[in-house]
Amino acid sequence: MAKLFIAKVITSSGPRPLVTVRAAGEGEAKLFLEARYPEDVIEAVAEPADWVSDADTGSELGDICEHPGVEWQAPSSLAD
């Protein structure tokens, strides 16, 4: 079953908007992201906890979506 993960992806010119990825687990999500963004740094991958979006987040394993205008925020369980 494809779970939703959120990711913080950093390019050489700064952070991408929030990225979502569908995967079976966190490790698989990171692999999908590394394949999609080979020149970027995958700084964080996490389950979004209570995060809700009305934007398209995909539905199949490997679906990756960028959400312009939305910045990464660590889920409350990971916040400092």
PDB file of N, CA and C in Angstrom:
ATOM      1  N   MET A   1       0.836  -1.179   0.000  1.00  0.00           N
ATOM      2  CA  MET A   1       0.000   0.000   0.000  1.00  0.00           C
ATOM      3  C   MET A   1       0.885   1.248   0.000  1.00  0.00           C
ATOM      4  N   ALA A   2       0.527   2.222  -0.790  1.00  0.00           N
ATOM      5  CA  ALA A   2       1.309   3.449  -0.915  1.00  0.00           C
ATOM      6  C   ALA A   2       0.941   4.433   0.198  1.00  0.00           C
ATOM      7  N   LYS A   3       1.938   4.747   1.034  1.00  0.00           N
ATOM      8  CA  LYS A   3       1.765   5.764   2.071  1.00  0.00           C
ATOM      9  C   LYS A   3       2.249   7.091   1.516  1.00  0.00           C
ATOM     10  N   LEU A   4       1.786   8.167   2.122  1.00  0.00           N
ATOM     11  CA  LEU A   4       2.212   9.504   1.732  1.00  0.00           C
ATOM     12  C   LEU A   4       3.385   9.940   2.604  1.00  0.00           C
ATOM     13  N   PHE A   5       4.430  10.480   1.967  1.00  0.00           N
ATOM     14  CA  PHE A   5       5.576  11.052   2.672  1.00  0.00           C
ATOM     15  C   PHE A   5       5.793  12.457   2.150  1.00  0.00           C
ATOM     16  N   ILE A   6       6.299  13.336   3.017  1.00  0.00           N
ATOM     17  CA  ILE A   6       6.685  14.674   2.599  1.00  0.00           C
ATOM     18  C   ILE A   6       8.202  14.747   2.644  1.00  0.00           C
ATOM     19  N   ALA A   7       8.763  15.585   1.786  1.00  0.00           N
ATOM     20  CA  ALA A   7      10.220  15.646   1.696  1.00  0.00           C
ATOM     21  C   ALA A   7      10.704  17.082   1.578  1.00  0.00           C
ATOM     22  N   LYS A   8      11.872  17.302   2.166  1.00  0.00           N
ATOM     23  CA  LYS A   8      12.587  18.574   2.027  1.00  0.00           C
ATOM     24  C   LYS A   8      13.737  18.311   1.067  1.00  0.00           C
ATOM     25  N   VAL A   9      13.663  18.921  -0.116  1.00  0.00           N
ATOM     26  CA  VAL A   9      14.648  18.708  -1.170  1.00  0.00           C
ATOM     27  C   VAL A   9      15.358  20.035  -1.433  1.00  0.00           C
ATOM     28  N   ILE A  10      16.690  20.006  -1.370  1.00  0.00           N
ATOM     29  CA  ILE A  10      17.490  21.211  -1.543  1.00  0.00           C
ATOM     30  C   ILE A  10      18.268  21.140  -2.857  1.00  0.00           C
ATOM     31  N   THR A  11      18.128  22.193  -3.683  1.00  0.00           N
ATOM     32  CA  THR A  11      18.882  22.299  -4.931  1.00  0.00           C
ATOM     33  C   THR A  11      20.107  23.183  -4.686  1.00  0.00           C
ATOM     34  N   SER A  12      20.944  23.325  -5.687  1.00  0.00           N
ATOM     35  CA  SER A  12      22.117  24.197  -5.540  1.00  0.00           C
ATOM     36  C   SER A  12      21.714  25.659  -5.363  1.00  0.00           C
ATOM     37  N   SER A  13      20.496  26.017  -5.762  1.00  0.00           N
ATOM     38  CA  SER A  13      20.037  27.401  -5.616  1.00  0.00           C
ATOM     39  C   SER A  13      19.049  27.593  -4.471  1.00  0.00           C
ATOM     40  N   GLY A  14      18.806  26.549  -3.681  1.00  0.00           N
ATOM     41  CA  GLY A  14      17.898  26.679  -2.537  1.00  0.00           C
ATOM     42  C   GLY A  14      16.875  25.568  -2.495  1.00  0.00           C
ATOM     43  N   PRO A  15      15.961  25.652  -1.525  1.00  0.00           N
ATOM     44  CA  PRO A  15      14.978  24.566  -1.363  1.00  0.00           C
ATOM     45  C   PRO A  15      13.912  24.554  -2.452  1.00  0.00           C
ATOM     46  N   ARG A  16      13.488  23.351  -2.794  1.00  0.00           N
ATOM     47  CA  ARG A  16      12.327  23.194  -3.664  1.00  0.00           C
ATOM     48  C   ARG A  16      11.083  23.442  -2.812  1.00  0.00           C
ATOM     49  N   PRO A  17       9.931  23.676  -3.468  1.00  0.00           N
ATOM     50  CA  PRO A  17       8.698  23.707  -2.678  1.00  0.00           C
ATOM     51  C   PRO A  17       8.490  22.327  -2.041  1.00  0.00           C
ATOM     52  N   LEU A  18       7.545  22.211  -1.154  1.00  0.00           N
ATOM     53  CA  LEU A  18       7.255  20.933  -0.527  1.00  0.00           C
ATOM     54  C   LEU A  18       7.061  19.862  -1.596  1.00  0.00           C
ATOM     55  N   VAL A  19       7.661  18.702  -1.376  1.00  0.00           N
ATOM     56  CA  VAL A  19       7.548  17.576  -2.292  1.00  0.00           C
ATOM     57  C   VAL A  19       6.850  16.441  -1.555  1.00  0.00           C
ATOM     58  N   THR A  20       5.866  15.830  -2.212  1.00  0.00           N
ATOM     59  CA  THR A  20       5.230  14.636  -1.654  1.00  0.00           C
ATOM     60  C   THR A  20       5.589  13.444  -2.524  1.00  0.00           C
ATOM     61  N   VAL A  21       5.652  12.287  -1.894  1.00  0.00           N
ATOM     62  CA  VAL A  21       5.976  11.060  -2.617  1.00  0.00           C
ATOM     63  C   VAL A  21       5.170   9.919  -2.016  1.00  0.00           C
ATOM     64  N   ARG A  22       4.706   9.031  -2.867  1.00  0.00           N
ATOM     65  CA  ARG A  22       3.984   7.832  -2.422  1.00  0.00           C
ATOM     66  C   ARG A  22       4.946   6.658  -2.442  1.00  0.00           C
ATOM     67  N   ALA A  23       5.023   5.935  -1.311  1.00  0.00           N
ATOM     68  CA  ALA A  23       5.935   4.802  -1.193  1.00  0.00           C
ATOM     69  C   ALA A  23       5.447   3.869  -0.098  1.00  0.00           C
ATOM     70  N   ALA A  24       6.001   2.668  -0.070  1.00  0.00           N
ATOM     71  CA  ALA A  24       5.640   1.692   0.960  1.00  0.00           C
ATOM     72  C   ALA A  24       6.282   2.036   2.299  1.00  0.00           C
ATOM     73  N   GLY A  25       7.450   2.692   2.257  1.00  0.00           N
ATOM     74  CA  GLY A  25       8.158   3.051   3.481  1.00  0.00           C
ATOM     75  C   GLY A  25       9.095   4.217   3.234  1.00  0.00           C
ATOM     76  N   GLU A  26       9.679   4.737   4.309  1.00  0.00           N
ATOM     77  CA  GLU A  26      10.542   5.901   4.215  1.00  0.00           C
ATOM     78  C   GLU A  26      11.774   5.653   3.338  1.00  0.00           C
ATOM     79  N   GLY A  27      12.378   4.472   3.461  1.00  0.00           N
ATOM     80  CA  GLY A  27      13.552   4.154   2.647  1.00  0.00           C
ATOM     81  C   GLY A  27      13.230   4.147   1.167  1.00  0.00           C
ATOM     82  N   GLU A  28      12.091   3.554   0.825  1.00  0.00           N
ATOM     83  CA  GLU A  28      11.677   3.523  -0.575  1.00  0.00           C
ATOM     84  C   GLU A  28      11.377   4.938  -1.070  1.00  0.00           C
ATOM     85  N   ALA A  29      10.752   5.753  -0.232  1.00  0.00           N
ATOM     86  CA  ALA A  29      10.454   7.134  -0.614  1.00  0.00           C
ATOM     87  C   ALA A  29      11.737   7.873  -0.958  1.00  0.00           C
ATOM     88  N   LYS A  30      12.774   7.681  -0.131  1.00  0.00           N
ATOM     89  CA  LYS A  30      14.052   8.344  -0.386  1.00  0.00           C
ATOM     90  C   LYS A  30      14.669   7.870  -1.708  1.00  0.00           C
ATOM     91  N   LEU A  31      14.550   6.576  -2.007  1.00  0.00           N
ATOM     92  CA  LEU A  31      15.072   6.057  -3.277  1.00  0.00           C
ATOM     93  C   LEU A  31      14.358   6.681  -4.473  1.00  0.00           C
ATOM     94  N   PHE A  32      13.030   6.793  -4.402  1.00  0.00           N
ATOM     95  CA  PHE A  32      12.274   7.434  -5.479  1.00  0.00           C
ATOM     96  C   PHE A  32      12.741   8.881  -5.664  1.00  0.00           C
ATOM     97  N   LEU A  33      12.920   9.583  -4.549  1.00  0.00           N
ATOM     98  CA  LEU A  33      13.331  10.986  -4.614  1.00  0.00           C
ATOM     99  C   LEU A  33      14.745  11.137  -5.171  1.00  0.00           C
ATOM    100  N   GLU A  34      15.661  10.280  -4.742  1.00  0.00           N
ATOM    101  CA  GLU A  34      17.038  10.339  -5.253  1.00  0.00           C
ATOM    102  C   GLU A  34      17.076  10.071  -6.756  1.00  0.00           C
ATOM    103  N   ALA A  35      16.208   9.190  -7.235  1.00  0.00           N
ATOM    104  CA  ALA A  35      16.151   8.911  -8.675  1.00  0.00           C
ATOM    105  C   ALA A  35      15.578  10.101  -9.443  1.00  0.00           C
ATOM    106  N   ARG A  36      14.597  10.772  -8.872  1.00  0.00           N
ATOM    107  CA  ARG A  36      13.953  11.914  -9.531  1.00  0.00           C
ATOM    108  C   ARG A  36      14.820  13.169  -9.492  1.00  0.00           C
ATOM    109  N   TYR A  37      15.530  13.358  -8.381  1.00  0.00           N
ATOM    110  CA  TYR A  37      16.342  14.562  -8.178  1.00  0.00           C
ATOM    111  C   TYR A  37      17.805  14.178  -7.909  1.00  0.00           C
ATOM    112  N   PRO A  38      18.500  13.611  -8.898  1.00  0.00           N
ATOM    113  CA  PRO A  38      19.866  13.103  -8.650  1.00  0.00           C
ATOM    114  C   PRO A  38      20.886  14.181  -8.294  1.00  0.00           C
ATOM    115  N   GLU A  39      20.659  15.413  -8.679  1.00  0.00           N
ATOM    116  CA  GLU A  39      21.610  16.490  -8.396  1.00  0.00           C
ATOM    117  C   GLU A  39      21.296  17.227  -7.094  1.00  0.00           C
ATOM    118  N   ASP A  40      20.178  16.902  -6.469  1.00  0.00           N
ATOM    119  CA  ASP A  40      19.727  17.614  -5.270  1.00  0.00           C
ATOM    120  C   ASP A  40      20.021  16.811  -4.003  1.00  0.00           C
ATOM    121  N   VAL A  41      19.902  17.477  -2.872  1.00  0.00           N
ATOM    122  CA  VAL A  41      20.085  16.825  -1.575  1.00  0.00           C
ATOM    123  C   VAL A  41      18.705  16.561  -0.970  1.00  0.00           C
ATOM    124  N   ILE A  42      18.450  15.306  -0.627  1.00  0.00           N
ATOM    125  CA  ILE A  42      17.207  14.956   0.059  1.00  0.00           C
ATOM    126  C   ILE A  42      17.503  15.120   1.541  1.00  0.00           C
ATOM    127  N   GLU A  43      17.092  16.257   2.095  1.00  0.00           N
ATOM    128  CA  GLU A  43      17.459  16.593   3.466  1.00  0.00           C
ATOM    129  C   GLU A  43      16.585  15.894   4.497  1.00  0.00           C
ATOM    130  N   ALA A  44      15.323  15.680   4.176  1.00  0.00           N
ATOM    131  CA  ALA A  44      14.421  15.035   5.136  1.00  0.00           C
ATOM    132  C   ALA A  44      13.275  14.359   4.406  1.00  0.00           C
ATOM    133  N   VAL A  45      12.855  13.226   4.948  1.00  0.00           N
ATOM    134  CA  VAL A  45      11.681  12.503   4.470  1.00  0.00           C
ATOM    135  C   VAL A  45      10.918  12.060   5.710  1.00  0.00           C
ATOM    136  N   ALA A  46       9.607  12.322   5.738  1.00  0.00           N
ATOM    137  CA  ALA A  46       8.828  11.968   6.928  1.00  0.00           C
ATOM    138  C   ALA A  46       7.378  11.712   6.549  1.00  0.00           C
ATOM    139  N   GLU A  47       6.710  10.920   7.378  1.00  0.00           N
ATOM    140  CA  GLU A  47       5.268  10.800   7.225  1.00  0.00           C
ATOM    141  C   GLU A  47       4.669  12.109   7.715  1.00  0.00           C
ATOM    142  N   PRO A  48       3.643  12.605   7.061  1.00  0.00           N
ATOM    143  CA  PRO A  48       3.152  13.945   7.359  1.00  0.00           C
ATOM    144  C   PRO A  48       2.273  14.077   8.595  1.00  0.00           C
ATOM    145  N   ALA A  49       2.080  13.045   9.357  1.00  0.00           N
ATOM    146  CA  ALA A  49       1.235  13.102  10.562  1.00  0.00           C
ATOM    147  C   ALA A  49      -0.168  13.575  10.173  1.00  0.00           C
ATOM    148  N   ASP A  50      -0.577  14.723  10.669  1.00  0.00           N
ATOM    149  CA  ASP A  50      -1.933  15.220  10.426  1.00  0.00           C
ATOM    150  C   ASP A  50      -2.032  16.175   9.256  1.00  0.00           C
ATOM    151  N   TRP A  51      -0.953  16.291   8.456  1.00  0.00           N
ATOM    152  CA  TRP A  51      -0.956  17.219   7.329  1.00  0.00           C
ATOM    153  C   TRP A  51      -2.042  16.817   6.347  1.00  0.00           C
ATOM    154  N   VAL A  52      -2.816  17.788   5.920  1.00  0.00           N
ATOM    155  CA  VAL A  52      -3.902  17.551   4.967  1.00  0.00           C
ATOM    156  C   VAL A  52      -3.734  18.518   3.806  1.00  0.00           C
ATOM    157  N   SER A  53      -3.975  18.021   2.608  1.00  0.00           N
ATOM    158  CA  SER A  53      -3.864  18.868   1.427  1.00  0.00           C
ATOM    159  C   SER A  53      -4.993  18.555   0.471  1.00  0.00           C
ATOM    160  N   ASP A  54      -5.453  19.589  -0.218  1.00  0.00           N
ATOM    161  CA  ASP A  54      -6.450  19.358  -1.262  1.00  0.00           C
ATOM    162  C   ASP A  54      -5.769  19.294  -2.635  1.00  0.00           C
ATOM    163  N   ALA A  55      -4.431  19.377  -2.632  1.00  0.00           N
ATOM    164  CA  ALA A  55      -3.656  19.280  -3.872  1.00  0.00           C
ATOM    165  C   ALA A  55      -3.453  17.811  -4.237  1.00  0.00           C
ATOM    166  N   ASP A  56      -3.110  17.580  -5.485  1.00  0.00           N
ATOM    167  CA  ASP A  56      -2.836  16.225  -5.950  1.00  0.00           C
ATOM    168  C   ASP A  56      -1.547  15.727  -5.308  1.00  0.00           C
ATOM    169  N   THR A  57      -1.628  14.617  -4.591  1.00  0.00           N
ATOM    170  CA  THR A  57      -0.437  14.014  -3.987  1.00  0.00           C
ATOM    171  C   THR A  57      -0.157  12.648  -4.595  1.00  0.00           C
ATOM    172  N   GLY A  58      -0.812  12.338  -5.708  1.00  0.00           N
ATOM    173  CA  GLY A  58      -0.610  11.047  -6.362  1.00  0.00           C
ATOM    174  C   GLY A  58      -1.335   9.945  -5.615  1.00  0.00           C
ATOM    175  N   SER A  59      -1.290   8.761  -6.183  1.00  0.00           N
ATOM    176  CA  SER A  59      -1.969   7.623  -5.543  1.00  0.00           C
ATOM    177  C   SER A  59      -1.200   6.323  -5.715  1.00  0.00           C
ATOM    178  N   GLU A  60      -0.265   6.294  -6.656  1.00  0.00           N
ATOM    179  CA  GLU A  60       0.486   5.078  -6.951  1.00  0.00           C
ATOM    180  C   GLU A  60       1.895   5.146  -6.371  1.00  0.00           C
ATOM    181  N   LEU A  61       2.481   3.975  -6.128  1.00  0.00           N
ATOM    182  CA  LEU A  61       3.870   3.930  -5.673  1.00  0.00           C
ATOM    183  C   LEU A  61       4.751   4.712  -6.633  1.00  0.00           C
ATOM    184  N   GLY A  62       5.612   5.562  -6.094  1.00  0.00           N
ATOM    185  CA  GLY A  62       6.528   6.329  -6.921  1.00  0.00           C
ATOM    186  C   GLY A  62       6.002   7.667  -7.405  1.00  0.00           C
ATOM    187  N   ASP A  63       4.728   7.973  -7.154  1.00  0.00           N
ATOM    188  CA  ASP A  63       4.194   9.277  -7.558  1.00  0.00           C
ATOM    189  C   ASP A  63       4.869  10.372  -6.733  1.00  0.00           C
ATOM    190  N   ILE A  64       5.434  11.368  -7.419  1.00  0.00           N
ATOM    191  CA  ILE A  64       6.105  12.487  -6.772  1.00  0.00           C
ATOM    192  C   ILE A  64       5.449  13.775  -7.271  1.00  0.00           C
ATOM    193  N   CYS A  65       5.098  14.651  -6.337  1.00  0.00           N
ATOM    194  CA  CYS A  65       4.463  15.918  -6.692  1.00  0.00           C
ATOM    195  C   CYS A  65       5.131  17.060  -5.941  1.00  0.00           C
ATOM    196  N   GLU A  66       5.354  18.181  -6.637  1.00  0.00           N
ATOM    197  CA  GLU A  66       5.833  19.402  -5.999  1.00  0.00           C
ATOM    198  C   GLU A  66       4.629  20.297  -5.745  1.00  0.00           C
ATOM    199  N   HIS A  67       4.681  21.024  -4.638  1.00  0.00           N
ATOM    200  CA  HIS A  67       3.563  21.872  -4.234  1.00  0.00           C
ATOM    201  C   HIS A  67       4.037  23.323  -4.126  1.00  0.00           C
ATOM    202  N   PRO A  68       4.049  24.035  -5.279  1.00  0.00           N
ATOM    203  CA  PRO A  68       4.514  25.428  -5.289  1.00  0.00           C
ATOM    204  C   PRO A  68       3.760  26.266  -4.258  1.00  0.00           C
ATOM    205  N   GLY A  69       4.520  27.123  -3.583  1.00  0.00           N
ATOM    206  CA  GLY A  69       3.911  27.999  -2.579  1.00  0.00           C
ATOM    207  C   GLY A  69       3.802  27.367  -1.201  1.00  0.00           C
ATOM    208  N   VAL A  70       4.182  26.098  -1.089  1.00  0.00           N
ATOM    209  CA  VAL A  70       4.127  25.412   0.206  1.00  0.00           C
ATOM    210  C   VAL A  70       5.548  25.064   0.611  1.00  0.00           C
ATOM    211  N   GLU A  71       5.944  25.497   1.803  1.00  0.00           N
ATOM    212  CA  GLU A  71       7.294  25.225   2.287  1.00  0.00           C
ATOM    213  C   GLU A  71       7.290  24.044   3.244  1.00  0.00           C
ATOM    214  N   TRP A  72       8.445  23.375   3.317  1.00  0.00           N
ATOM    215  CA  TRP A  72       8.641  22.262   4.248  1.00  0.00           C
ATOM    216  C   TRP A  72       8.440  22.741   5.683  1.00  0.00           C
ATOM    217  N   GLN A  73       7.701  21.955   6.444  1.00  0.00           N
ATOM    218  CA  GLN A  73       7.612  22.103   7.887  1.00  0.00           C
ATOM    219  C   GLN A  73       7.680  20.715   8.443  1.00  0.00           C
ATOM    220  N   ALA A  74       8.567  20.501   9.373  1.00  0.00           N
ATOM    221  CA  ALA A  74       8.685  19.166   9.981  1.00  0.00           C
ATOM    222  C   ALA A  74       7.365  18.833  10.673  1.00  0.00           C
ATOM    223  N   PRO A  75       6.922  17.570  10.568  1.00  0.00           N
ATOM    224  CA  PRO A  75       5.733  17.165  11.312  1.00  0.00           C
ATOM    225  C   PRO A  75       5.932  17.456  12.789  1.00  0.00           C
ATOM    226  N   SER A  76       4.868  17.712  13.516  1.00  0.00           N
ATOM    227  CA  SER A  76       4.987  18.096  14.922  1.00  0.00           C
ATOM    228  C   SER A  76       5.753  17.079  15.742  1.00  0.00           C
ATOM    229  N   SER A  77       5.727  15.811  15.345  1.00  0.00           N
ATOM    230  CA  SER A  77       6.462  14.781  16.071  1.00  0.00           C
ATOM    231  C   SER A  77       7.976  14.909  15.877  1.00  0.00           C
ATOM    232  N   LEU A  78       8.408  15.675  14.848  1.00  0.00           N
ATOM    233  CA  LEU A  78       9.838  15.838  14.559  1.00  0.00           C
ATOM    234  C   LEU A  78      10.330  17.264  14.814  1.00  0.00           C
ATOM    235  N   ALA A  79       9.424  18.173  15.174  1.00  0.00           N
ATOM    236  CA  ALA A  79       9.803  19.571  15.358  1.00  0.00           C
ATOM    237  C   ALA A  79      10.771  19.714  16.533  1.00  0.00           C
ATOM    238  N   ASP A  80      11.633  20.727  16.430  1.00  0.00           N
ATOM    239  CA  ASP A  80      12.607  20.985  17.493  1.00  0.00           C
ATOM    240  C   ASP A  80      11.945  21.458  18.763  1.00  0.00           C
TER     241      ASP A  80
END
